Protein backbone atom coordinates (compact mmCIF):
# COMPACT_ATOMS: atom_id res chain seq x y z
CA MET A 1 141.99 189.57 33.30
CA SER A 2 144.20 191.68 31.27
CA THR A 3 144.48 194.99 30.79
CA PRO A 4 142.39 195.82 27.85
CA LEU A 5 143.76 196.94 24.63
CA VAL A 6 142.97 201.04 24.00
CA VAL A 7 141.30 202.37 20.94
CA LEU A 8 141.44 206.39 20.96
CA THR A 9 138.58 207.70 18.97
CA ILE A 10 138.71 211.57 17.63
CA ALA A 11 135.05 212.66 16.46
CA GLY A 12 132.22 214.68 17.19
CA SER A 13 129.88 213.90 20.09
CA ASP A 14 126.06 212.88 18.97
CA SER A 15 123.22 213.74 21.40
CA GLY A 16 121.29 211.02 19.92
CA ALA A 17 124.37 208.45 20.75
CA GLY A 18 123.51 206.36 17.85
CA ALA A 19 126.46 207.64 15.68
CA GLY A 20 130.19 209.48 16.63
CA ILE A 21 131.97 209.19 19.99
CA GLN A 22 129.02 208.03 21.62
CA ALA A 23 128.38 205.23 18.43
CA ASP A 24 132.49 204.54 19.26
CA LEU A 25 132.33 203.86 22.73
CA LYS A 26 129.54 201.16 21.89
CA THR A 27 131.37 199.99 19.42
CA ILE A 28 135.02 199.77 20.98
CA SER A 29 133.45 198.15 23.95
CA ALA A 30 131.66 195.34 21.88
CA PHE A 31 135.20 194.25 20.63
CA SER A 32 136.43 194.52 23.98
CA CYS A 33 138.76 197.15 24.08
CA TYR A 34 139.24 200.09 25.95
CA ALA A 35 137.82 203.49 24.20
CA THR A 36 139.49 206.94 25.31
CA THR A 37 138.16 210.02 23.68
CA ALA A 38 139.31 213.85 22.48
CA ILE A 39 136.17 215.13 21.61
CA THR A 40 136.15 217.74 18.14
CA ALA A 41 132.66 218.96 18.20
CA LEU A 42 129.20 219.51 19.88
CA THR A 43 126.11 218.31 17.78
CA ALA A 44 122.46 218.60 18.68
CA GLN A 45 120.76 215.75 16.83
CA ASN A 46 118.11 212.85 17.34
CA THR A 47 116.83 210.28 14.99
CA HIS A 48 115.05 212.99 12.55
CA GLY A 49 118.56 214.48 11.81
CA VAL A 50 121.09 217.24 13.26
CA GLN A 51 119.99 220.53 14.30
CA MET A 52 123.18 222.47 15.31
CA VAL A 53 126.65 221.76 15.54
CA GLU A 54 129.43 223.61 17.49
CA GLY A 55 132.77 223.04 17.09
CA VAL A 56 135.49 222.60 20.29
CA SER A 57 138.59 224.80 20.16
CA SER A 58 141.45 223.44 18.36
CA LYS A 59 143.39 224.21 21.12
CA MET A 60 141.28 222.03 23.51
CA VAL A 61 141.09 219.49 21.01
CA LYS A 62 144.82 219.18 20.92
CA ARG A 63 144.94 218.74 25.08
CA GLN A 64 142.55 215.76 24.80
CA LEU A 65 145.06 214.31 22.91
CA GLU A 66 148.30 214.75 24.82
CA SER A 67 146.16 214.00 27.96
CA VAL A 68 145.07 210.73 27.05
CA LEU A 69 147.41 209.83 23.89
CA ILE A 70 150.96 211.14 24.79
CA GLU A 71 150.91 211.78 29.06
CA ASP A 72 149.06 208.74 30.01
CA ILE A 73 147.56 205.74 28.12
CA GLY A 74 148.34 205.29 25.11
CA ALA A 75 146.28 203.64 22.27
CA GLN A 76 147.33 200.59 19.94
CA ALA A 77 144.71 202.68 16.79
CA ILE A 78 142.69 205.39 16.60
CA LYS A 79 140.34 206.61 14.59
CA THR A 80 139.14 209.68 13.45
CA GLY A 81 135.97 210.77 12.55
CA MET A 82 134.07 214.17 12.10
CA LEU A 83 136.61 217.08 12.90
CA TYR A 84 134.45 219.44 11.89
CA ASP A 85 137.19 222.14 10.64
CA GLU A 86 140.46 222.48 8.96
CA GLU A 87 142.53 223.90 12.38
CA ILE A 88 140.92 220.57 14.03
CA ILE A 89 142.44 218.71 11.17
CA ARG A 90 146.04 220.43 11.23
CA THR A 91 146.07 219.38 15.13
CA VAL A 92 145.80 216.19 14.52
CA VAL A 93 148.11 215.77 12.05
CA GLU A 94 150.55 217.87 14.14
CA VAL A 95 150.21 216.02 17.19
CA LEU A 96 150.05 212.70 15.53
CA ASP A 97 153.18 212.60 12.46
CA SER A 98 155.42 214.61 15.58
CA HIS A 99 154.61 211.83 18.50
CA PHE A 100 153.86 208.59 16.76
CA LYS A 101 153.95 208.57 13.28
CA ARG A 102 157.60 208.71 12.52
CA THR A 103 158.61 206.83 15.86
CA ASN A 104 155.88 204.48 16.30
CA PRO A 105 153.55 204.10 14.34
CA ILE A 106 149.96 203.39 15.28
CA PRO A 107 147.57 202.21 13.27
CA LEU A 108 144.55 205.09 11.71
CA VAL A 109 141.36 204.34 10.39
CA LEU A 110 140.11 207.48 8.74
CA ASP A 111 136.48 207.67 8.66
CA PRO A 112 135.59 211.02 6.17
CA VAL A 113 132.85 211.87 7.59
CA CYS A 114 131.91 215.38 5.70
CA VAL A 115 127.90 215.20 5.68
CA SER A 116 125.21 213.75 7.42
CA THR A 117 122.51 211.38 6.36
CA SER A 118 119.99 213.73 6.76
CA GLY A 119 122.40 216.47 4.45
CA HIS A 120 123.62 218.26 6.91
CA SER A 121 127.27 219.78 6.51
CA LEU A 122 129.82 218.25 9.28
CA LEU A 123 133.14 219.54 7.54
CA ALA A 124 133.46 223.33 6.58
CA PRO A 125 134.46 222.84 3.03
CA GLU A 126 138.03 224.46 3.27
CA ALA A 127 138.95 221.65 5.73
CA VAL A 128 138.22 219.60 2.90
CA ASP A 129 142.41 219.66 1.24
CA SER A 130 143.43 219.21 4.77
CA LEU A 131 141.89 216.43 5.23
CA ARG A 132 142.66 215.48 1.76
CA THR A 133 146.19 216.18 1.69
CA LEU A 134 147.13 216.12 5.03
CA LEU A 135 145.39 213.46 7.32
CA LEU A 136 144.63 211.04 4.88
CA PRO A 137 148.66 209.84 4.16
CA LEU A 138 148.86 209.08 7.55
CA ALA A 139 146.10 206.67 7.44
CA THR A 140 146.43 203.18 7.54
CA VAL A 141 142.69 202.63 5.94
CA VAL A 142 140.07 204.91 4.74
CA THR A 143 136.31 204.17 5.03
CA PRO A 144 134.38 206.19 3.19
CA ASN A 145 130.90 205.39 1.67
CA ILE A 146 130.11 206.48 -2.17
CA PRO A 147 129.07 209.85 -2.07
CA GLU A 148 132.07 210.56 0.19
CA ALA A 149 134.42 209.08 -2.18
CA GLU A 150 132.65 210.63 -5.10
CA PHE A 151 133.28 213.81 -2.83
CA LEU A 152 136.95 213.06 -1.56
CA THR A 153 138.32 212.64 -5.56
CA GLU A 154 136.02 215.55 -6.90
CA ARG A 155 134.05 213.17 -8.77
CA LYS A 156 130.15 214.73 -9.57
CA ALA A 157 127.64 212.95 -7.05
CA GLY A 158 126.04 210.18 -8.44
CA SER A 159 128.89 209.43 -10.85
CA ILE A 160 129.55 205.65 -8.98
CA LYS A 161 127.17 203.68 -10.24
CA SER A 162 129.13 199.95 -10.88
CA ILE A 163 131.99 198.04 -8.97
CA ASP A 164 134.09 199.22 -12.28
CA ASP A 165 133.24 202.92 -10.51
CA MET A 166 134.23 201.79 -7.26
CA ARG A 167 137.59 200.09 -8.18
CA SER A 168 138.92 203.10 -9.99
CA CYS A 169 137.43 205.30 -7.18
CA ALA A 170 139.48 203.23 -4.93
CA LYS A 171 142.68 203.35 -6.59
CA GLN A 172 142.28 206.98 -6.82
CA LEU A 173 142.20 207.44 -3.24
CA ALA A 174 144.46 205.53 -2.23
CA GLY A 175 147.18 207.28 -5.04
CA GLN A 176 146.76 210.48 -2.67
CA GLY A 177 148.84 208.62 -0.15
CA THR A 178 146.63 206.04 1.46
CA ARG A 179 147.68 202.32 1.10
CA TRP A 180 144.19 200.71 2.13
CA VAL A 181 140.79 202.06 0.93
CA TYR A 182 137.28 199.88 1.97
CA LEU A 183 135.24 201.41 -0.32
CA LYS A 184 131.71 200.33 0.95
CA GLY A 185 128.60 199.69 -1.46
CA GLY A 186 125.61 200.36 0.94
CA HIS A 187 124.46 203.34 -1.22
CA MET A 188 124.27 201.62 -4.40
CA PRO A 189 122.50 198.37 -4.01
CA ILE A 190 123.41 195.72 -6.46
CA VAL A 191 120.19 193.41 -7.65
CA LYS A 192 121.51 189.92 -9.30
CA GLU A 193 119.81 187.93 -11.89
CA ASP A 194 117.54 185.82 -9.24
CA GLY A 195 116.00 189.02 -7.94
CA ARG A 196 118.12 189.27 -4.83
CA LYS A 197 119.79 192.28 -3.72
CA VAL A 198 123.02 192.63 -2.38
CA VAL A 199 125.70 195.15 -1.50
CA ALA A 200 129.02 194.84 -2.94
CA ASP A 201 131.84 196.35 -0.53
CA LEU A 202 136.00 196.69 -2.43
CA LEU A 203 138.81 197.35 -0.42
CA TRP A 204 141.60 198.22 -2.33
CA ASP A 205 145.38 197.82 -1.25
CA GLY A 206 147.34 200.42 -3.32
CA LYS A 207 150.95 198.55 -2.21
CA GLU A 208 149.94 195.28 -3.58
CA GLY A 209 147.69 196.59 -6.33
CA LYS A 210 145.01 194.38 -5.01
CA GLU A 211 141.36 193.94 -4.15
CA TYR A 212 139.00 192.50 -1.93
CA LEU A 213 135.25 192.45 -3.46
CA SER A 214 132.61 191.36 -1.00
CA GLU A 215 129.11 190.88 -1.22
CA ARG A 216 126.22 190.71 1.59
CA ARG A 217 122.54 190.88 1.59
CA TYR A 218 121.00 194.23 1.33
CA LEU A 219 119.05 194.80 4.51
CA ASP A 220 115.87 197.80 3.11
CA VAL A 221 115.67 199.12 6.77
CA LYS A 222 115.80 202.48 8.14
CA ASN A 223 117.52 201.72 11.17
CA THR A 224 121.05 202.46 9.43
CA HIS A 225 122.28 205.45 12.05
CA GLY A 226 125.85 205.71 12.54
CA THR A 227 126.73 202.66 10.36
CA GLY A 228 129.57 204.62 9.07
CA CYS A 229 131.41 205.71 12.21
CA THR A 230 130.83 202.27 14.08
CA LEU A 231 132.54 200.41 11.14
CA ALA A 232 135.29 202.07 11.24
CA ALA A 233 135.75 201.82 15.03
CA ALA A 234 135.06 198.44 14.81
CA VAL A 235 138.14 198.27 11.93
CA ALA A 236 140.31 199.87 14.87
CA SER A 237 139.45 197.49 17.41
CA GLY A 238 140.41 194.47 15.16
CA LEU A 239 144.06 196.58 14.37
CA ALA A 240 144.71 197.19 17.85
CA LYS A 241 143.95 193.21 18.71
CA GLY A 242 146.31 193.02 15.73
CA GLN A 243 144.27 191.95 12.69
CA THR A 244 145.16 192.32 9.17
CA VAL A 245 143.60 195.18 7.33
CA PRO A 246 141.36 192.65 5.80
CA GLU A 247 140.73 190.51 8.63
CA ALA A 248 139.73 194.01 10.66
CA VAL A 249 137.47 195.27 7.97
CA GLN A 250 135.95 192.12 7.40
CA ALA A 251 135.09 191.25 11.26
CA ALA A 252 133.57 194.74 10.80
CA ALA A 253 131.23 194.30 7.96
CA ASP A 254 129.98 191.36 9.26
CA TYR A 255 129.53 192.80 12.98
CA VAL A 256 127.73 195.85 11.11
CA ALA A 257 125.64 193.85 9.25
CA GLU A 258 124.24 191.88 12.29
CA ALA A 259 123.85 195.43 14.35
CA ILE A 260 121.85 196.66 11.52
CA ALA A 261 119.46 193.25 10.86
CA SER A 262 118.65 193.42 14.63
CA SER A 263 118.26 197.39 15.03
CA TYR A 264 115.03 198.46 16.76
CA PRO A 265 112.58 201.76 15.89
CA LEU A 266 113.79 204.06 18.48
CA GLY A 267 112.61 207.39 18.36
CA GLY A 268 110.36 209.00 14.61
CA GLY A 269 113.21 208.87 11.76
CA SER A 270 116.49 206.78 11.22
CA GLY A 271 116.94 204.86 14.55
CA PRO A 272 120.08 203.45 15.43
CA ILE A 273 121.62 200.17 14.68
CA HIS A 274 122.02 197.21 17.47
CA HIS A 275 125.56 197.75 18.76
CA PHE A 276 125.50 195.27 21.73
CA HIS A 277 123.93 192.40 19.17
CA SER A 278 126.61 190.12 20.19
CA HIS A 279 126.23 190.81 24.27
CA ALA A 280 122.53 190.71 24.10
CA PRO A 281 121.36 188.07 26.71
CA ARG A 282 120.25 185.04 24.80
CA ALA A 283 116.83 183.46 25.42
CA VAL A 284 118.31 180.15 25.23
CA PRO A 285 121.77 179.39 25.40
CA LEU A 286 123.90 178.09 22.59
CA PRO A 287 124.41 174.61 22.10
CA ASN A 288 127.36 173.58 24.48
CA PRO A 289 129.43 169.85 25.40
CA HIS A 290 126.41 170.12 28.39
CA SER A 291 123.87 171.29 26.60
CA PRO A 292 124.10 170.50 22.25
CA THR A 293 121.16 170.90 22.05
CA PRO A 294 119.41 173.99 24.27
CA PHE A 295 116.58 175.18 21.32
CA THR A 296 115.31 171.35 20.72
CA ASP A 297 115.24 170.92 24.13
CA TYR A 298 113.41 173.86 25.09
CA LEU A 299 110.73 173.26 22.48
CA ILE A 300 110.63 169.74 23.72
CA ASN A 301 109.92 171.05 27.54
CA TYR A 302 107.65 173.72 26.90
CA ASN A 303 104.70 171.72 27.46
CA PRO A 304 105.83 168.46 28.81
CA PRO A 305 102.43 166.56 29.03
CA LEU A 306 101.74 167.15 25.61
CA TRP A 307 104.72 165.86 23.97
CA ASN A 308 104.57 162.79 26.06
CA ARG A 309 100.94 162.26 24.86
CA TYR A 310 102.25 162.72 21.02
CA VAL A 311 105.44 160.34 21.48
CA TYR A 312 103.79 157.43 23.51
CA HIS A 313 100.56 158.15 21.71
CA PRO A 314 98.79 154.51 21.78
CA PHE A 315 98.67 154.48 17.93
CA PRO A 316 102.31 153.84 17.60
CA GLN A 317 102.00 151.50 20.63
CA GLY A 318 99.39 149.43 18.84
CA LEU A 319 101.76 149.07 15.66
CA ALA A 320 104.76 147.88 17.80
CA ASP A 321 102.71 145.00 19.56
CA GLY A 322 101.19 144.14 16.06
CA THR A 323 96.96 144.53 17.76
CA MET A 324 96.35 148.02 15.88
CA PRO A 325 93.34 146.87 13.03
CA LEU A 326 94.46 147.01 9.56
CA SER A 327 92.21 149.56 8.61
CA ALA A 328 93.35 151.69 10.84
CA PHE A 329 96.79 151.60 10.16
CA LEU A 330 95.69 151.96 6.15
CA HIS A 331 93.86 155.19 6.68
CA PHE A 332 96.81 156.55 8.48
CA ILE A 333 98.79 155.86 6.19
CA GLN A 334 96.89 156.83 3.30
CA GLN A 335 96.32 160.60 4.98
CA ASP A 336 99.90 160.35 5.33
CA TYR A 337 101.06 159.95 1.91
CA HIS A 338 99.18 163.46 1.61
CA PHE A 339 100.46 165.38 4.30
CA LEU A 340 103.84 163.69 3.42
CA LYS A 341 103.77 166.18 -0.33
CA GLN A 342 103.00 169.11 1.78
CA TYR A 343 105.33 168.65 4.67
CA GLY A 344 108.34 168.17 1.73
CA ARG A 345 106.64 171.23 0.45
CA SER A 346 107.36 173.45 3.59
CA ASN A 347 110.97 171.91 3.89
CA SER A 348 111.57 173.11 0.23
CA LEU A 349 110.40 176.65 1.58
CA ALA A 350 113.24 176.34 4.26
CA ALA A 351 116.04 175.63 1.40
CA TYR A 352 114.34 178.65 -0.20
CA LYS A 353 114.65 180.69 2.71
CA THR A 354 117.98 180.42 3.32
CA GLU A 355 120.91 181.67 1.61
CA ASP A 356 123.44 179.83 3.63
CA MET A 357 124.06 176.44 0.93
CA LYS A 358 125.11 174.48 3.96
CA GLU A 359 121.49 174.71 5.41
CA MET A 360 120.21 174.88 2.07
CA GLU A 361 121.88 170.85 1.05
CA ALA A 362 120.76 169.68 4.94
CA SER A 363 116.94 171.13 3.96
CA ILE A 364 116.92 169.40 0.58
CA GLU A 365 118.74 165.88 2.60
CA ILE A 366 114.92 166.47 5.06
CA VAL A 367 113.22 166.62 1.34
CA ASN A 368 114.78 163.36 0.31
CA ALA A 369 114.19 160.99 3.42
CA VAL A 370 110.34 162.58 2.80
CA LEU A 371 110.16 161.10 -0.63
CA LYS A 372 111.80 157.94 0.32
CA GLU A 373 109.56 158.01 3.03
CA THR A 374 106.54 158.48 0.74
CA GLU A 375 107.53 155.68 -1.27
CA MET A 376 107.32 153.15 1.16
CA HIS A 377 103.93 154.23 2.08
CA VAL A 378 103.74 153.32 -1.81
CA SER A 379 104.98 150.36 -1.20
CA TYR A 380 102.66 148.96 2.06
CA CYS A 381 99.47 150.40 0.17
CA GLU A 382 100.37 147.92 -2.78
CA THR A 383 100.83 144.96 -0.45
CA TYR A 384 97.17 145.16 0.29
CA GLY A 385 95.74 145.63 -2.94
CA ILE A 386 95.64 149.88 -3.20
CA SER A 387 97.79 151.39 -5.93
CA ARG A 388 99.58 154.06 -6.87
CA GLU A 389 96.98 155.57 -8.86
CA GLU A 390 93.90 154.77 -5.86
CA LEU A 391 96.22 156.28 -3.07
CA MET A 392 96.65 159.71 -4.95
CA ALA A 393 92.95 159.89 -5.36
CA VAL A 394 92.20 159.30 -1.69
CA PRO A 395 90.77 162.75 -0.61
CA GLU A 396 92.54 164.71 2.70
CA SER A 397 90.72 163.77 5.85
CA LEU A 398 89.71 167.33 8.08
CA SER A 399 92.24 166.26 10.18
CA ASN A 400 94.67 166.44 7.59
CA ILE A 401 93.76 169.43 5.91
CA ALA A 402 93.71 171.37 9.27
CA TYR A 403 97.16 169.79 10.35
CA THR A 404 98.97 170.70 6.20
CA ARG A 405 97.18 174.01 5.72
CA TYR A 406 98.98 175.34 9.26
CA VAL A 407 102.14 174.29 8.51
CA LEU A 408 102.24 175.34 4.80
CA ASP A 409 101.09 178.56 6.00
CA THR A 410 103.73 179.19 8.95
CA SER A 411 106.13 178.42 6.21
CA SER A 412 105.05 180.49 3.49
CA LYS A 413 103.96 183.41 5.98
CA GLY A 414 106.66 183.29 8.62
CA ASP A 415 110.86 183.42 8.55
CA LEU A 416 113.11 180.79 8.35
CA LEU A 417 112.46 179.89 11.98
CA ASP A 418 109.10 179.37 11.78
CA THR A 419 109.29 176.93 8.92
CA ARG A 420 112.19 175.04 10.61
CA VAL A 421 109.83 175.08 13.71
CA VAL A 422 106.72 174.14 12.26
CA THR A 423 107.92 171.03 10.84
CA ALA A 424 109.70 170.08 13.80
CA PRO A 425 107.37 167.81 15.79
CA CYS A 426 106.85 166.03 13.05
CA LEU A 427 110.40 165.00 12.25
CA ILE A 428 111.64 164.52 15.99
CA GLY A 429 108.66 162.72 17.27
CA TYR A 430 108.67 159.94 14.55
CA GLY A 431 112.09 159.42 15.27
CA LYS A 432 111.74 159.71 19.15
CA VAL A 433 109.35 157.00 18.80
CA GLY A 434 110.78 154.43 16.53
CA GLU A 435 114.34 154.86 18.58
CA ARG A 436 112.08 154.23 22.02
CA LEU A 437 110.60 151.27 20.02
CA VAL A 438 113.24 149.49 18.46
CA ASN A 439 114.94 149.71 21.45
CA ALA A 440 111.94 148.39 23.61
CA THR A 441 112.97 145.08 25.48
CA GLU A 442 108.72 144.08 26.41
CA GLY A 443 105.27 145.48 24.59
CA VAL A 444 106.88 144.63 21.50
CA GLU A 445 106.36 142.33 18.87
CA THR A 446 109.52 142.03 16.47
CA ASP A 447 109.12 138.57 14.44
CA GLU A 448 107.28 140.27 10.80
CA THR A 449 105.49 136.61 10.33
CA LYS A 450 103.23 137.87 13.29
CA ASN A 451 103.68 141.50 13.58
CA ARG A 452 102.88 142.93 9.83
CA TYR A 453 103.43 146.71 11.49
CA TRP A 454 107.42 145.73 12.18
CA GLY A 455 109.31 146.62 9.10
CA TRP A 456 107.52 150.22 9.16
CA ILE A 457 108.32 150.43 13.14
CA LYS A 458 111.96 149.67 12.15
CA GLU A 459 112.37 152.11 9.30
CA TYR A 460 111.47 155.14 12.11
CA GLY A 461 114.51 153.41 14.25
CA GLY A 462 116.85 153.14 11.56
CA ASP A 463 119.86 154.84 10.23
CA TRP A 464 118.37 156.97 7.29
CA TYR A 465 115.49 158.62 9.38
CA GLN A 466 117.55 158.96 12.29
CA GLY A 467 120.09 160.64 10.18
CA ALA A 468 117.17 163.30 8.82
CA VAL A 469 116.18 163.62 12.57
CA LYS A 470 119.84 164.86 13.53
CA THR A 471 119.98 166.84 10.42
CA GLY A 472 116.89 168.41 11.51
CA ILE A 473 117.82 168.78 15.00
CA ASP A 474 121.04 170.59 13.67
CA LEU A 475 119.38 173.20 11.40
CA LEU A 476 117.07 174.15 14.28
CA GLU A 477 120.14 174.89 16.83
CA SER A 478 121.86 176.04 14.03
CA THR A 479 119.39 178.74 12.76
CA LEU A 480 118.83 180.00 16.41
CA SER A 481 122.44 180.31 16.88
CA ALA A 482 123.00 182.41 13.84
CA SER A 483 120.03 184.87 14.77
CA PRO A 484 119.58 185.70 18.89
CA ILE A 485 115.77 186.26 19.46
CA SER A 486 113.82 188.30 22.12
CA PRO A 487 112.17 185.78 24.71
CA LYS A 488 109.03 187.16 23.38
CA ARG A 489 110.05 185.51 20.12
CA LEU A 490 111.01 182.75 21.81
CA GLU A 491 107.89 181.78 23.28
CA GLU A 492 105.63 182.50 19.97
CA LEU A 493 108.01 179.29 18.38
CA ALA A 494 107.12 177.76 21.09
CA LYS A 495 103.56 178.13 20.69
CA ILE A 496 104.26 177.13 16.99
CA PHE A 497 105.71 173.92 18.06
CA GLU A 498 103.29 173.56 20.61
CA LYS A 499 100.25 174.01 17.76
CA ALA A 500 101.76 171.33 15.50
CA THR A 501 102.17 168.90 18.23
CA GLU A 502 98.58 169.04 19.14
CA LEU A 503 98.04 168.42 15.35
CA GLU A 504 100.37 165.11 15.25
CA ILE A 505 98.10 163.68 17.89
CA ALA A 506 94.90 164.89 16.14
CA PHE A 507 96.57 163.09 13.25
CA TRP A 508 96.77 159.55 15.47
CA ASP A 509 93.74 160.16 16.93
CA ALA A 510 91.77 159.95 13.51
CA ALA A 511 93.67 156.82 12.52
CA MET A 512 92.33 155.39 16.00
CA VAL A 513 88.55 156.46 15.28
CA ALA A 514 89.13 154.66 11.50
CA GLY A 515 89.85 151.62 13.65
CA ASN A 516 87.48 151.73 16.07
CA GLU A 517 84.54 152.38 13.19
CA GLU A 518 85.95 149.44 11.46
CA ARG A 519 85.61 147.19 14.62
CA ALA A 520 82.45 148.57 15.22
CA ARG A 521 81.01 147.82 11.79
CA ARG A 522 82.57 144.18 11.65
CA ALA A 523 80.77 143.83 14.93
CA ALA A 524 78.10 144.87 13.76
CA ILE A 525 77.69 142.66 10.57
CA LYS A 526 78.84 139.43 12.94
CA ASN A 527 75.54 140.21 15.05
């Protein structure tokens, strides 16, 4: 392996390890860089707040910088966080300005840490001018949140209330000497017309007079301790790798958003974000050439006997060889018409639950396939003298009610993965059955003059339905790939898949019972 790129972080220590030097170490490591440190202060803090702060002498800070930065290891990027007081700021500026900024410029990311989330002051008031006038001009990019930006520009707290306010503040900060200002909007969530809450972040290029405005979903969670430190360390890691500032900022913002989304409730207050979310062991592997559908395979293989009972059920086999009583088929197709209405609603909920337009389009494609399938059922019923109106008036059977309500309850109460998984057995199972029977060399009657059901079988083995199956499987895999889950959560999803498969079997069993009852009735009449 090649020697990793080095990022130096100059910041305070967080005993709770969610922010400061500890967060920087985790973040830089997560970006596959090597972190060196110069500690400026010690804090006694936890998820409830900061209880005590004690500064390190400027002499010791200087010696740390000289030791790792000048005398030995060096760095491809530097990040500053909590600098504690004016003397330390001047020391950092002296080292950077005299040894690097003029002769060997190194990207510098300035996280202007002034006040902790809990309100504890982390920078002496008299040091703010030094931060603003001495260090800011050396920075490649400064990454304030809204309160910090107001503080640095001497604006009234709470005065930034809009994107325009953010824009003018970013321009003002850039005018103080740094080219790039990344103003984070997490303290000012915006409600869109459709009711969604989003966060707007503004990157301003003071040299080109150009802005990069991005939006992301607002995550209303309390475990956000260390987001500012983490974001700046992630940007520095990107710059160390040679990314442009817009590229490094985007990658950092994505990383932090995922770290917030996968955070865990550690302690009783504002817990840390999950710095190693991208390195956490996956419950199932990502799709790869050797295993293109690992999640789907896991669900199917969770209970192989049950799945085989489903896809080798005697009901579709009886349709394939033409021996199934017409009464069984008509019972099934009438009940399935009503089931498909609810199945379409469930897939519509999946489209509602995703913010990815491609995934939304794919869910709508499945709904359209369902609509085609229901019309196919109407046509079959009309062939046998059952009108659309009569079909719609047929009451749902108990097995149908049990199945549809389970699907709808799971889809409405659960998340996107729940919705994908609960509808998967129906979509995938019918596809497997159709594909197997269409390609079977024995046990089927393909002459439609002898087997009135063969046209129905062919539909499920045909391109349109197999295409819908592929879309559904792709959605399963992509949804899980984008949202890694724990082994416990994976088992929960497998149980949902298992239950839906059981209800599919019961659905076909009910059709078989209806056929047997009709046989018995005719036998009784004959006798």
